[in-house]
N, C-alpha and C. Protein backbone atom coordinates (compact mmCIF):
# COMPACT_ATOMS: atom_id res chain seq x y z
N MET A 1 0.72 -0.74 -0.20
CA MET A 1 -0.09 0.60 -0.08
C MET A 1 0.91 1.51 -0.15
N GLU A 2 0.64 2.79 -0.56
CA GLU A 2 1.48 3.16 -1.11
C GLU A 2 1.28 4.23 -0.01
N ILE A 3 2.02 5.22 0.77
CA ILE A 3 1.74 5.60 2.05
C ILE A 3 1.21 7.31 1.37
N ARG A 4 2.51 7.59 0.10
CA ARG A 4 3.00 8.82 0.09
C ARG A 4 1.52 9.61 -0.99
N GLN A 5 1.39 11.08 -0.98
CA GLN A 5 0.15 11.05 -1.29
C GLN A 5 0.55 11.92 -2.88
N PRO A 6 -0.05 11.50 -4.27
CA PRO A 6 0.54 11.62 -5.63
C PRO A 6 0.59 13.21 -5.54
N TYR A 7 -0.44 13.83 -4.96
CA TYR A 7 -0.37 15.22 -5.31
C TYR A 7 0.33 16.07 -3.75
N PRO A 8 0.97 16.94 -3.74
CA PRO A 8 1.13 17.80 -2.01
C PRO A 8 -0.52 18.52 -2.13
N PRO A 9 -0.79 18.45 -0.65
CA PRO A 9 -1.79 19.01 -0.08
C PRO A 9 -1.91 19.98 -0.54
N GLY A 10 -2.83 20.84 -1.08
CA GLY A 10 -3.04 22.09 -1.84
C GLY A 10 -2.38 22.48 -2.97
N ALA A 11 -1.68 21.70 -3.02
CA ALA A 11 -1.69 21.47 -4.74
C ALA A 11 -2.44 21.51 -5.91
N PRO A 12 -2.68 22.44 -6.81
CA PRO A 12 -3.66 22.10 -8.14
C PRO A 12 -3.43 21.11 -8.82
N HIS A 13 -4.75 20.30 -8.71
CA HIS A 13 -4.65 19.13 -9.94
C HIS A 13 -5.42 18.95 -10.55
N ASP A 14 -5.90 18.15 -11.47
CA ASP A 14 -6.66 17.57 -12.03
C ASP A 14 -7.89 16.40 -12.26
N ARG A 15 -8.91 16.77 -11.83
CA ARG A 15 -9.93 15.67 -10.87
C ARG A 15 -10.58 14.99 -12.45
N GLY A 16 -10.51 15.90 -13.57
CA GLY A 16 -11.22 15.60 -14.47
C GLY A 16 -11.37 14.30 -15.10
N ALA A 17 -10.72 13.06 -15.03
CA ALA A 17 -10.40 11.72 -15.60
C ALA A 17 -11.85 10.74 -15.04
N GLY A 18 -11.60 10.89 -13.66
CA GLY A 18 -12.40 9.94 -12.48
C GLY A 18 -11.85 8.41 -12.26
N TYR A 19 -11.10 8.46 -13.01
CA TYR A 19 -9.74 6.93 -12.53
C TYR A 19 -8.65 7.42 -12.88
N GLU A 20 -8.18 6.17 -12.73
CA GLU A 20 -6.69 6.12 -12.83
C GLU A 20 -6.47 6.12 -14.47
N ARG A 21 -5.50 6.36 -14.98
CA ARG A 21 -4.91 6.35 -16.37
C ARG A 21 -3.64 5.51 -16.03
N ARG A 22 -2.83 6.06 -15.09
CA ARG A 22 -1.95 4.56 -15.49
C ARG A 22 -1.69 3.39 -14.48
N ASP A 23 -2.34 3.26 -14.46
CA ASP A 23 -2.44 1.51 -13.75
C ASP A 23 -3.27 0.71 -15.06
N THR A 24 -3.67 0.86 -15.37
CA THR A 24 -4.11 -0.17 -16.39
C THR A 24 -3.66 0.04 -18.32
N ASN A 25 -3.79 -0.75 -18.72
CA ASN A 25 -3.08 -0.71 -20.87
C ASN A 25 -4.90 -1.73 -21.07
N ILE A 26 -5.04 -1.11 -21.36
CA ILE A 26 -6.23 -1.77 -21.74
C ILE A 26 -5.95 -2.00 -23.57
N ARG A 27 -4.89 -1.37 -23.91
CA ARG A 27 -4.76 -2.14 -25.59
C ARG A 27 -3.67 -3.85 -24.83
N GLY A 28 -2.99 -3.52 -24.27
CA GLY A 28 -2.46 -4.63 -23.55
C GLY A 28 -2.60 -5.85 -23.19
N LEU A 29 -4.38 -5.85 -22.49
CA LEU A 29 -5.04 -6.94 -21.86
C LEU A 29 -5.99 -6.99 -23.25
N ILE A 30 -6.18 -5.97 -23.63
CA ILE A 30 -7.26 -6.55 -25.17
C ILE A 30 -5.65 -7.65 -25.90
N GLN A 31 -5.04 -7.35 -26.63
CA GLN A 31 -3.99 -8.58 -26.77
C GLN A 31 -3.71 -9.87 -26.31
N PHE A 32 -3.26 -9.42 -24.66
CA PHE A 32 -3.26 -10.40 -23.97
C PHE A 32 -4.53 -11.80 -24.51
N ALA A 33 -5.87 -11.29 -23.86
CA ALA A 33 -6.65 -11.84 -24.41
C ALA A 33 -6.98 -12.30 -25.72
N PHE A 34 -7.12 -11.90 -26.65
CA PHE A 34 -6.71 -12.18 -28.19
C PHE A 34 -5.83 -13.49 -28.13
N TRP A 35 -4.38 -13.53 -27.61
CA TRP A 35 -3.30 -14.52 -27.89
C TRP A 35 -3.58 -15.59 -26.95
N MET A 36 -4.35 -15.23 -25.89
CA MET A 36 -4.59 -16.43 -24.91
C MET A 36 -6.12 -17.21 -25.66
N ALA A 37 -6.53 -16.56 -26.30
CA ALA A 37 -7.92 -17.14 -26.93
C ALA A 37 -7.30 -17.98 -28.53
N VAL A 38 -6.03 -17.29 -28.72
CA VAL A 38 -4.88 -18.25 -30.14
C VAL A 38 -4.86 -19.39 -29.04
N VAL A 39 -4.38 -19.36 -28.23
CA VAL A 39 -3.35 -20.77 -27.86
C VAL A 39 -4.47 -21.74 -27.30
N LEU A 40 -5.75 -21.07 -26.86
CA LEU A 40 -6.82 -22.22 -26.83
C LEU A 40 -7.05 -22.80 -27.95
N ALA A 41 -7.31 -21.96 -28.44
CA ALA A 41 -7.88 -22.64 -30.10
C ALA A 41 -7.15 -23.72 -30.58
N VAL A 42 -5.40 -23.08 -30.64
CA VAL A 42 -4.17 -24.20 -31.34
C VAL A 42 -4.39 -25.55 -30.39
N THR A 43 -4.23 -25.25 -28.75
CA THR A 43 -4.63 -26.55 -28.08
C THR A 43 -5.49 -27.52 -28.36
N LEU A 44 -6.53 -26.99 -28.61
CA LEU A 44 -8.11 -28.01 -28.47
C LEU A 44 -8.13 -28.52 -29.87
N VAL A 45 -7.11 -28.26 -31.47
CA VAL A 45 -7.59 -28.32 -32.68
C VAL A 45 -6.31 -29.28 -32.02
N GLY A 46 -5.77 -29.34 -31.76
CA GLY A 46 -3.84 -30.12 -31.55
C GLY A 46 -4.62 -31.34 -30.84
N MET A 47 -5.56 -31.43 -29.66
CA MET A 47 -5.29 -31.96 -29.32
C MET A 47 -6.33 -33.32 -29.65
N LYS A 48 -7.19 -32.43 -30.40
CA LYS A 48 -8.54 -33.27 -31.42
C LYS A 48 -7.39 -33.77 -32.19
N LEU A 49 -6.35 -33.64 -33.16
CA LEU A 49 -5.79 -34.09 -33.91
C LEU A 49 -4.86 -35.46 -33.58
N THR A 50 -4.22 -34.95 -32.27
CA THR A 50 -3.73 -36.04 -31.95
C THR A 50 -4.73 -37.11 -31.42
N PHE A 51 -5.72 -37.09 -30.94
CA PHE A 51 -6.66 -38.24 -30.66
C PHE A 51 -7.18 -38.85 -32.02
N ASN A 52 -6.86 -38.14 -32.92
CA ASN A 52 -7.44 -38.80 -34.18
C ASN A 52 -6.78 -39.69 -34.80
N TYR A 53 -5.74 -39.43 -33.99
CA TYR A 53 -4.46 -39.95 -34.53
C TYR A 53 -4.06 -41.16 -33.42
N PHE A 54 -4.13 -41.05 -32.67
CA PHE A 54 -3.92 -42.48 -31.53
C PHE A 54 -5.41 -43.43 -32.05
N LYS A 55 -6.93 -43.16 -32.48
CA LYS A 55 -7.70 -43.45 -32.56
C LYS A 55 -6.92 -44.56 -33.53
N LYS A 56 -6.43 -44.15 -34.89
CA LYS A 56 -6.25 -44.65 -35.91
C LYS A 56 -4.88 -45.80 -35.81
N VAL A 57 -4.42 -45.77 -34.93
CA VAL A 57 -2.63 -45.87 -34.85
C VAL A 57 -3.29 -47.32 -34.07
N GLN A 58 -3.63 -46.75 -32.91
CA GLN A 58 -3.33 -47.40 -31.23
C GLN A 58 -5.10 -48.25 -30.86
N PRO A 59 -5.93 -48.97 -31.67
CA PRO A 59 -7.12 -49.12 -31.70
C PRO A 59 -7.15 -49.97 -30.24
N LEU A 60 -8.20 -49.79 -29.68
CA LEU A 60 -8.70 -50.40 -27.88
C LEU A 60 -8.67 -51.97 -28.48
N GLY A 61 -8.84 -52.68 -29.06
CA GLY A 61 -8.95 -53.88 -29.44
C GLY A 61 -10.09 -54.46 -29.48
N ALA A 62 -9.95 -56.14 -28.89
CA ALA A 62 -11.19 -56.45 -27.89
C ALA A 62 -11.19 -56.36 -26.52
N THR A 63 -12.44 -56.44 -26.66
CA THR A 63 -12.76 -56.52 -24.73
C THR A 63 -12.47 -57.88 -23.87
N THR A 64 -12.01 -56.81 -23.07
CA THR A 64 -11.42 -58.17 -21.99
C THR A 64 -12.11 -59.85 -21.84
N SER A 65 -13.49 -59.47 -21.59
CA SER A 65 -15.07 -60.32 -20.93
C SER A 65 -14.92 -61.15 -22.75
N PRO A 66 -14.52 -62.18 -22.95
CA PRO A 66 -15.34 -63.28 -23.46
C PRO A 66 -16.82 -62.96 -24.09
N MET A 67 -17.49 -62.78 -22.73
CA MET A 67 -18.85 -63.07 -22.46
C MET A 67 -19.84 -61.85 -23.23
N VAL A 68 -18.38 -60.34 -23.05
CA VAL A 68 -19.37 -59.35 -23.65
C VAL A 68 -19.25 -59.44 -25.31
N SER A 69 -19.92 -59.11 -26.06
CA SER A 69 -19.52 -58.34 -27.10
C SER A 69 -19.55 -57.19 -27.39
N GLU A 70 -18.94 -57.10 -28.84
CA GLU A 70 -17.84 -55.61 -28.67
C GLU A 70 -19.36 -54.60 -28.80
N GLY A 71 -18.83 -53.75 -27.97
CA GLY A 71 -19.81 -52.38 -27.85
C GLY A 71 -20.92 -52.46 -26.77
N GLU A 72 -20.90 -53.92 -26.47
CA GLU A 72 -22.05 -54.08 -25.46
C GLU A 72 -21.76 -52.96 -23.78
N ARG A 73 -22.75 -52.96 -23.56
CA ARG A 73 -22.81 -51.80 -22.31
C ARG A 73 -22.56 -53.37 -21.31
N VAL A 74 -21.60 -53.18 -20.31
CA VAL A 74 -21.87 -53.96 -19.04
C VAL A 74 -22.04 -53.15 -17.69
N LEU A 75 -23.32 -53.93 -17.52
CA LEU A 75 -23.59 -53.53 -15.68
C LEU A 75 -22.97 -53.81 -14.97
N PRO A 76 -22.92 -53.10 -13.72
CA PRO A 76 -21.78 -53.44 -12.49
C PRO A 76 -22.54 -54.32 -11.73
N PRO A 77 -22.50 -55.24 -10.94
CA PRO A 77 -23.27 -56.21 -10.17
C PRO A 77 -24.25 -55.69 -9.06
N ARG A 78 -24.62 -55.82 -9.16
CA ARG A 78 -26.36 -55.78 -7.66
C ARG A 78 -24.82 -55.71 -6.26
N PRO A 79 -25.58 -54.79 -5.57
CA PRO A 79 -26.64 -53.92 -5.35
C PRO A 79 -26.14 -52.74 -6.53
N ARG A 80 -27.06 -52.00 -7.08
CA ARG A 80 -26.65 -50.64 -7.87
C ARG A 80 -27.25 -50.22 -7.49
N LEU A 81 -26.24 -48.52 -7.46
CA LEU A 81 -26.89 -46.91 -7.49
C LEU A 81 -28.77 -46.75 -7.86
N GLN A 82 -28.94 -46.28 -7.42
CA GLN A 82 -30.42 -45.65 -7.98
C GLN A 82 -30.49 -44.65 -8.75
N VAL A 83 -30.72 -44.52 -9.85
CA VAL A 83 -30.39 -43.55 -11.01
C VAL A 83 -31.74 -42.42 -10.57
N GLN A 84 -32.61 -42.63 -10.01
CA GLN A 84 -33.87 -41.37 -9.71
C GLN A 84 -34.34 -41.59 -8.28
N PRO A 85 -33.79 -42.03 -7.59
CA PRO A 85 -33.99 -42.38 -5.71
C PRO A 85 -35.39 -41.40 -5.70
N HIS A 86 -35.66 -40.40 -6.13
CA HIS A 86 -36.84 -39.98 -5.63
C HIS A 86 -38.07 -40.18 -6.54
N LEU A 87 -37.81 -40.41 -8.15
CA LEU A 87 -39.07 -40.74 -9.44
C LEU A 87 -39.07 -42.52 -8.49
N GLU A 88 -38.34 -43.40 -8.23
CA GLU A 88 -38.63 -44.90 -7.63
C GLU A 88 -39.12 -44.79 -6.43
N LEU A 89 -39.18 -43.73 -5.32
CA LEU A 89 -39.34 -43.80 -4.76
C LEU A 89 -41.08 -43.43 -4.49
N ALA A 90 -41.31 -42.60 -5.50
CA ALA A 90 -42.89 -42.08 -5.18
C ALA A 90 -43.59 -43.20 -6.13
N ASP A 91 -43.32 -43.61 -7.10
CA ASP A 91 -43.60 -44.84 -7.62
C ASP A 91 -43.93 -46.09 -6.76
N TYR A 92 -42.80 -46.55 -5.78
CA TYR A 92 -43.23 -47.22 -4.74
C TYR A 92 -44.17 -46.60 -4.19
N CYS A 93 -44.26 -45.49 -3.71
CA CYS A 93 -45.49 -45.17 -2.77
C CYS A 93 -46.45 -45.02 -3.20
N ALA A 94 -46.46 -44.75 -4.46
CA ALA A 94 -48.03 -44.98 -5.78
C ALA A 94 -48.69 -46.26 -5.77
N ALA A 95 -47.72 -46.96 -5.50
CA ALA A 95 -48.34 -48.32 -5.73
C ALA A 95 -49.12 -49.02 -4.34
N GLN A 96 -48.11 -48.59 -3.19
CA GLN A 96 -48.80 -49.32 -1.80
C GLN A 96 -49.43 -48.24 -1.56
N GLN A 97 -49.82 -46.90 -2.37
CA GLN A 97 -51.31 -46.56 -2.33
C GLN A 97 -52.47 -47.24 -2.71
N GLN A 98 -52.39 -47.27 -4.12
CA GLN A 98 -52.83 -48.23 -4.98
C GLN A 98 -53.17 -49.73 -3.92
N GLU A 99 -52.55 -50.21 -3.26
CA GLU A 99 -53.06 -51.31 -2.56
C GLU A 99 -53.58 -51.14 -1.30
N VAL A 100 -53.74 -49.90 -0.70
CA VAL A 100 -54.48 -49.86 0.02
C VAL A 100 -55.92 -49.09 0.16
N THR A 101 -55.82 -48.65 -1.31
CA THR A 101 -57.66 -47.92 -1.44
C THR A 101 -58.36 -48.66 -2.41
N THR A 102 -57.76 -49.52 -2.73
CA THR A 102 -58.98 -50.68 -4.02
C THR A 102 -58.85 -52.05 -3.81
N TYR A 103 -60.29 -52.34 -4.25
CA TYR A 103 -60.24 -53.54 -3.99
C TYR A 103 -59.50 -54.55 -5.12
N ALA A 104 -59.04 -55.80 -4.87
CA ALA A 104 -58.63 -56.93 -5.36
C ALA A 104 -58.58 -58.00 -5.08
N TRP A 105 -58.01 -59.17 -5.89
CA TRP A 105 -58.07 -60.37 -5.69
C TRP A 105 -56.67 -60.93 -4.70
N VAL A 106 -55.98 -61.48 -4.21
CA VAL A 106 -55.12 -61.88 -3.11
C VAL A 106 -55.25 -63.06 -3.78
N ASP A 107 -56.14 -63.83 -3.24
CA ASP A 107 -56.25 -65.61 -4.32
C ASP A 107 -58.02 -65.68 -4.66
N ARG A 108 -58.06 -65.90 -5.92
CA ARG A 108 -59.03 -65.84 -6.61
C ARG A 108 -59.94 -67.15 -5.66
N GLN A 109 -59.00 -68.61 -6.00
CA GLN A 109 -59.30 -69.99 -5.51
C GLN A 109 -59.76 -69.97 -4.04
N SER A 110 -59.00 -69.49 -3.29
CA SER A 110 -59.72 -69.61 -1.60
C SER A 110 -60.34 -68.76 -0.85
N GLY A 111 -60.62 -67.47 -2.49
CA GLY A 111 -61.53 -66.47 -1.91
C GLY A 111 -61.51 -65.49 -1.19
N VAL A 112 -59.80 -64.68 -1.12
CA VAL A 112 -58.87 -63.98 -0.54
C VAL A 112 -59.08 -62.83 -1.23
N VAL A 113 -59.78 -61.97 -0.45
CA VAL A 113 -59.64 -60.38 -1.59
C VAL A 113 -59.39 -59.58 -0.20
N ARG A 114 -58.64 -58.39 -1.43
CA ARG A 114 -57.99 -57.11 -0.50
C ARG A 114 -59.76 -56.02 -1.18
N ILE A 115 -59.23 -55.42 0.33
CA ILE A 115 -60.28 -54.32 0.61
C ILE A 115 -59.88 -53.05 0.88
N PRO A 116 -59.90 -51.77 0.67
CA PRO A 116 -59.75 -50.48 1.20
C PRO A 116 -59.51 -50.55 2.27
N ILE A 117 -58.70 -49.68 3.13
CA ILE A 117 -58.76 -49.83 4.55
C ILE A 117 -59.54 -49.11 5.17
N ASP A 118 -60.07 -47.91 4.40
CA ASP A 118 -61.03 -47.17 5.21
C ASP A 118 -62.82 -48.13 5.29
N ARG A 119 -62.37 -48.83 4.39
CA ARG A 119 -63.95 -49.82 4.17
C ARG A 119 -63.50 -50.57 5.13
N ALA A 120 -62.74 -51.53 5.68
CA ALA A 120 -62.28 -51.99 6.38
C ALA A 120 -62.42 -51.54 8.08
N MET A 121 -62.23 -50.54 8.04
CA MET A 121 -62.29 -49.50 9.30
C MET A 121 -63.83 -50.11 9.88
N GLU A 122 -64.41 -49.18 8.55
CA GLU A 122 -65.90 -49.41 8.62
C GLU A 122 -66.32 -50.52 9.12
N LEU A 123 -66.08 -51.26 8.92
CA LEU A 123 -66.18 -53.15 9.38
C LEU A 123 -66.34 -53.45 9.84
N ILE A 124 -64.93 -52.95 11.14
CA ILE A 124 -64.54 -53.26 12.25
C ILE A 124 -65.55 -52.61 13.41
N ILE A 125 -65.61 -51.19 13.03
CA ILE A 125 -66.37 -50.35 13.72
C ILE A 125 -68.27 -51.13 13.44
N GLU A 126 -68.65 -51.31 12.43
CA GLU A 126 -70.33 -51.95 12.44
C GLU A 126 -70.15 -53.44 13.01
N ARG A 127 -69.23 -54.53 12.97
CA ARG A 127 -69.04 -55.93 13.51
C ARG A 127 -68.76 -55.90 14.80
N GLY A 128 -67.50 -55.27 15.22
CA GLY A 128 -66.65 -55.08 16.15
C GLY A 128 -66.01 -56.32 15.79
N LEU A 129 -64.52 -56.28 16.83
CA LEU A 129 -63.92 -57.37 17.04
C LEU A 129 -64.07 -58.64 17.64
N PRO A 130 -64.02 -59.87 18.11
CA PRO A 130 -63.97 -61.15 18.48
C PRO A 130 -62.97 -60.93 19.85
N ALA A 131 -63.76 -61.06 20.64
CA ALA A 131 -63.73 -60.26 21.98
C ALA A 131 -63.20 -61.69 22.53
N ARG A 132 -61.93 -61.93 23.91
CA ARG A 132 -62.14 -63.06 24.62
C ARG A 132 -61.65 -62.67 26.55
N SER A 133 -62.08 -63.27 27.07
CA SER A 133 -61.50 -62.97 28.19
C SER A 133 -60.04 -62.46 28.94
N SER A 134 -59.86 -62.03 29.51
CA SER A 134 -58.26 -62.31 29.94
C SER A 134 -57.96 -63.47 30.57
N ALA A 135 -58.73 -64.05 30.54
CA ALA A 135 -57.81 -65.89 31.33
C ALA A 135 -57.91 -66.68 29.94
N GLU A 136 -58.40 -66.27 28.87
CA GLU A 136 -58.26 -66.87 27.86
C GLU A 136 -56.96 -66.20 26.84
N ALA A 137 -56.05 -65.36 27.83
CA ALA A 137 -55.35 -64.78 26.79
C ALA A 137 -53.98 -65.52 26.96
N PRO A 138 -53.40 -66.03 26.07
CA PRO A 138 -51.60 -66.42 25.93
C PRO A 138 -51.36 -65.98 26.84
N GLY A 139 -50.23 -67.02 28.05
CA GLY A 139 -49.18 -66.32 28.67
C GLY A 139 -47.91 -65.00 27.31
N GLY A 140 -47.23 -63.83 28.52
CA GLY A 140 -46.93 -63.23 27.43
C GLY A 140 -47.18 -62.22 26.45
N VAL A 141 -48.61 -62.38 26.31
CA VAL A 141 -49.16 -61.26 25.23
C VAL A 141 -49.96 -59.91 25.94
N LEU A 142 -49.24 -58.45 25.75
CA LEU A 142 -49.44 -57.46 26.27
C LEU A 142 -50.69 -57.04 25.79
N PRO A 143 -51.80 -56.52 26.61
CA PRO A 143 -52.84 -55.73 26.15
C PRO A 143 -52.44 -54.50 24.88
N ALA A 144 -53.31 -54.08 24.90
CA ALA A 144 -52.71 -53.35 23.00
C ALA A 144 -53.11 -52.06 24.09
N THR A 145 -52.18 -51.32 23.57
CA THR A 145 -52.63 -49.58 24.20
C THR A 145 -52.59 -48.87 22.79
N ALA A 146 -53.10 -47.72 23.30
CA ALA A 146 -53.57 -46.82 22.03
C ALA A 146 -52.02 -45.73 21.74
N THR A 147 -51.22 -45.70 22.50
CA THR A 147 -50.49 -45.40 21.53
C THR A 147 -49.11 -46.13 20.81
N PRO A 148 -49.13 -44.78 19.90
CA PRO A 148 -49.03 -45.59 18.54
C PRO A 148 -46.69 -45.92 19.24
N PRO A 149 -46.12 -46.95 18.53
CA PRO A 149 -45.05 -47.77 18.12
C PRO A 149 -43.87 -46.72 18.47
N ILE A 150 -42.31 -46.86 18.90
CA ILE A 150 -41.40 -45.92 18.80
C ILE A 150 -40.47 -47.12 17.84
N VAL A 151 -40.50 -46.28 16.74
CA VAL A 151 -39.36 -46.78 15.48
C VAL A 151 -38.02 -46.00 15.79
N SER A 152 -37.00 -47.28 15.76
CA SER A 152 -35.41 -46.33 15.95
C SER A 152 -35.56 -45.18 15.45
N GLY A 153 -35.14 -44.01 15.75
CA GLY A 153 -35.16 -42.55 15.26
C GLY A 153 -36.31 -41.68 15.57
N GLY A 154 -37.50 -42.56 16.77
CA GLY A 154 -38.57 -41.65 16.54
C GLY A 154 -39.33 -42.14 16.22
N MET A 155 -40.79 -41.44 16.50
CA MET A 155 -42.13 -41.70 16.12
C MET A 155 -42.17 -41.61 14.55
N ASP A 156 -42.28 -42.96 14.01
CA ASP A 156 -42.25 -43.04 12.33
C ASP A 156 -43.45 -43.72 12.04
N LEU A 157 -45.36 -43.53 11.76
CA LEU A 157 -46.19 -44.29 11.49
C LEU A 157 -45.93 -43.87 10.07
N LEU A 158 -45.71 -43.05 9.14
CA LEU A 158 -46.26 -43.01 7.82
C LEU A 158 -44.85 -43.99 7.36
N GLY A 159 -43.67 -44.43 7.70
CA GLY A 159 -42.97 -44.98 6.52
C GLY A 159 -41.91 -44.64 5.84
N PRO A 160 -41.36 -45.01 4.72
CA PRO A 160 -40.27 -44.25 3.32
C PRO A 160 -41.48 -42.55 3.24
N CYS A 161 -42.72 -43.37 2.71
CA CYS A 161 -43.76 -42.82 1.70
C CYS A 161 -44.42 -40.99 2.90
N GLY A 162 -43.79 -41.42 4.28
CA GLY A 162 -45.01 -40.53 4.86
C GLY A 162 -44.76 -38.65 4.31
N TYR A 163 -43.51 -38.46 3.85
CA TYR A 163 -43.29 -37.20 3.27
C TYR A 163 -44.12 -36.22 1.94
N LEU A 164 -44.37 -37.62 1.64
CA LEU A 164 -45.12 -37.10 0.33
C LEU A 164 -46.46 -37.49 0.48
N SER A 165 -47.15 -37.95 1.60
CA SER A 165 -48.33 -37.37 2.31
C SER A 165 -48.85 -36.24 2.41
N GLU A 166 -50.24 -35.94 2.33
CA GLU A 166 -50.26 -34.50 2.83
C GLU A 166 -50.98 -34.38 3.95
N HIS A 167 -50.72 -35.58 5.01
CA HIS A 167 -51.39 -35.71 5.79
C HIS A 167 -49.86 -35.58 6.95
N SER A 168 -48.79 -35.74 6.15
CA SER A 168 -47.68 -36.61 6.72
C SER A 168 -47.31 -35.32 8.73
N VAL A 169 -47.75 -34.38 8.28
CA VAL A 169 -47.80 -33.22 9.74
C VAL A 169 -48.41 -33.98 10.78
N GLU A 170 -49.29 -33.68 10.59
CA GLU A 170 -50.60 -34.10 11.77
C GLU A 170 -51.01 -35.49 11.99
N ALA A 171 -50.60 -36.81 11.19
CA ALA A 171 -50.41 -37.62 10.87
C ALA A 171 -49.94 -38.03 12.02
N ALA A 172 -48.57 -37.66 12.56
CA ALA A 172 -47.78 -38.33 13.14
C ALA A 172 -47.13 -37.46 14.56
N PRO A 173 -47.85 -38.06 15.68
CA PRO A 173 -47.86 -37.07 17.31
C PRO A 173 -46.11 -37.27 17.36
N MET A 174 -45.58 -36.01 17.82
CA MET A 174 -44.34 -36.06 18.27
C MET A 174 -43.76 -36.54 19.79
N GLY A 175 -43.41 -37.00 20.24
CA GLY A 175 -43.58 -37.83 21.67
C GLY A 175 -42.82 -38.71 22.25
N LYS A 176 -42.54 -39.34 23.22
CA LYS A 176 -41.83 -40.68 23.92
C LYS A 176 -43.12 -41.39 24.09
N ASN A 177 -43.65 -42.77 24.20
CA ASN A 177 -44.24 -43.22 24.52
C ASN A 177 -43.55 -43.34 26.78
N GLU A 178 -44.93 -43.40 27.11
CA GLU A 178 -44.26 -43.33 28.63
C GLU A 178 -44.92 -44.92 29.53
């Protein structure tokens, strides 16, 4: 940093330019940019010619595996990374939603059908569940509680598709079982 003043205090000086004329050589900068562009263009053309030359002179040859034909794409062994995990999760969640909201045959010969969860809950409310006395309950069975289960990482009633649901915030109460 320069500490001396360009003009002594009180001396008259020209304030008309508004910028430093002595610091920047515009002509030199433009020449530098031009020659840099020329060097880049020559380098790119030289690389293209070099790669084409090596492609003709030293071909890659046959594939290393006898099980792969020339030009065929080889996939890595499983498990593979997902290319579009959000789309795959959305498809999975749509299939799950389809399963819990539609009627379908599970096993036609046995007469087993799948019904929507809402309809199943209505039927349970109408007909009720079969009840047995506490004396008939097998040993080690705990009575059902109204509190949701705790899953590792906290409360999770909605599973991996919970964030896609419009009810995800109000459907999962936060807190601990006591």
